[in-house]
Protein backbone atom coordinates (compact mmCIF):
# COMPACT_ATOMS: atom_id res chain seq x y z
CA MET A 1 -69.53 66.17 -18.22
CA GLN A 2 -66.12 66.28 -16.03
CA ARG A 3 -64.95 69.05 -13.86
CA ASN A 4 -61.59 69.65 -12.86
CA LYS A 5 -61.66 68.45 -9.34
CA VAL A 6 -57.91 70.15 -7.76
CA HIS A 7 -58.67 71.58 -4.11
CA HIS A 8 -54.95 72.79 -3.62
CA LEU A 9 -51.41 74.43 -5.30
CA TYR A 10 -48.01 73.63 -4.25
CA THR A 11 -46.12 77.12 -4.54
CA VAL A 12 -43.00 77.45 -6.83
CA GLU A 13 -40.73 78.11 -3.21
CA ARG A 14 -42.30 75.05 -1.48
CA VAL A 15 -41.81 72.86 -4.66
CA ALA A 16 -38.27 73.80 -4.95
CA ARG A 17 -37.42 73.41 -0.93
CA GLU A 18 -39.63 70.04 -0.37
CA LEU A 19 -37.47 68.62 -3.69
CA GLY A 20 -33.99 70.48 -2.57
CA VAL A 21 -33.27 72.40 -5.81
CA SER A 22 -33.64 76.04 -6.50
CA GLU A 23 -36.63 77.93 -7.55
CA ALA A 24 -34.65 78.98 -10.66
CA LEU A 25 -34.54 75.39 -11.79
CA ILE A 26 -38.02 74.98 -11.44
CA GLN A 27 -39.21 77.01 -13.61
CA GLU A 28 -36.36 76.70 -15.77
CA LEU A 29 -37.43 73.24 -16.21
CA THR A 30 -41.68 73.78 -16.11
CA LEU A 31 -41.32 77.01 -18.77
CA GLY A 32 -43.59 75.18 -21.44
CA LEU A 33 -45.53 72.91 -19.29
CA GLU A 34 -49.20 73.90 -19.96
CA PRO A 35 -51.73 73.09 -16.89
CA GLU A 36 -53.17 70.23 -18.45
CA GLU A 37 -50.37 69.27 -16.55
CA GLY A 38 -50.52 70.94 -13.64
CA VAL A 39 -49.01 73.92 -14.05
CA ILE A 40 -51.30 77.02 -13.06
CA TRP A 41 -50.29 81.01 -12.57
CA VAL A 42 -52.35 83.26 -9.59
CA TYR A 43 -52.83 86.85 -9.93
CA GLY A 44 -54.24 88.46 -6.98
CA VAL A 45 -55.72 92.19 -6.74
CA ASN A 46 -51.98 94.02 -7.84
CA ASP A 47 -50.78 91.43 -8.96
CA ASP A 48 -50.11 91.66 -12.69
CA ASP A 49 -47.65 89.37 -12.62
CA GLY A 50 -48.59 86.49 -10.86
CA PHE A 51 -46.69 83.95 -9.51
CA LEU A 52 -46.56 80.52 -10.67
CA ALA A 53 -48.07 76.88 -8.51
CA PHE A 54 -48.41 73.66 -8.76
CA THR A 55 -50.76 70.64 -8.93
CA ASP A 56 -49.80 67.33 -7.38
CA GLU A 57 -49.83 66.73 -11.28
CA GLY A 58 -47.78 69.04 -11.48
CA ILE A 59 -45.46 68.02 -9.50
CA GLU A 60 -44.82 64.30 -10.30
CA GLU A 61 -44.55 66.36 -13.97
CA ILE A 62 -41.41 68.40 -12.19
CA GLU A 63 -40.22 65.16 -10.64
CA LEU A 64 -40.00 63.60 -14.17
CA LEU A 65 -38.26 66.43 -15.79
CA LEU A 66 -35.70 66.24 -12.88
CA ASP A 67 -34.95 62.50 -13.59
CA GLU A 68 -34.17 63.70 -16.99
CA TYR A 69 -32.13 66.96 -15.41
CA HIS A 70 -30.41 65.01 -14.23
CA ARG A 71 -29.89 62.02 -16.17
CA VAL A 72 -28.69 64.32 -18.56
CA SER A 73 -27.10 66.88 -16.60
CA PRO A 74 -25.57 64.96 -14.41
CA TRP A 75 -21.96 67.73 -13.23
CA LYS A 76 -25.62 70.87 -12.30
CA ALA A 77 -27.35 68.61 -9.85
């Protein structure tokens, strides 16, 4: 049986800072991504809305999405 081997996650804030883009852009680009693509929602005891987090694979997916975003929208870079 295959088991998920994710042992750490990165927040939107950290990914945005490391990639040099806004958190809003990261959230916009990842709206349609699924857990299989490295996107996970994390919920705390008093946090009904949760927050978005990414696995290493999720960050790779974001980098691909950013490349495409900058290719089709160079004036927004």
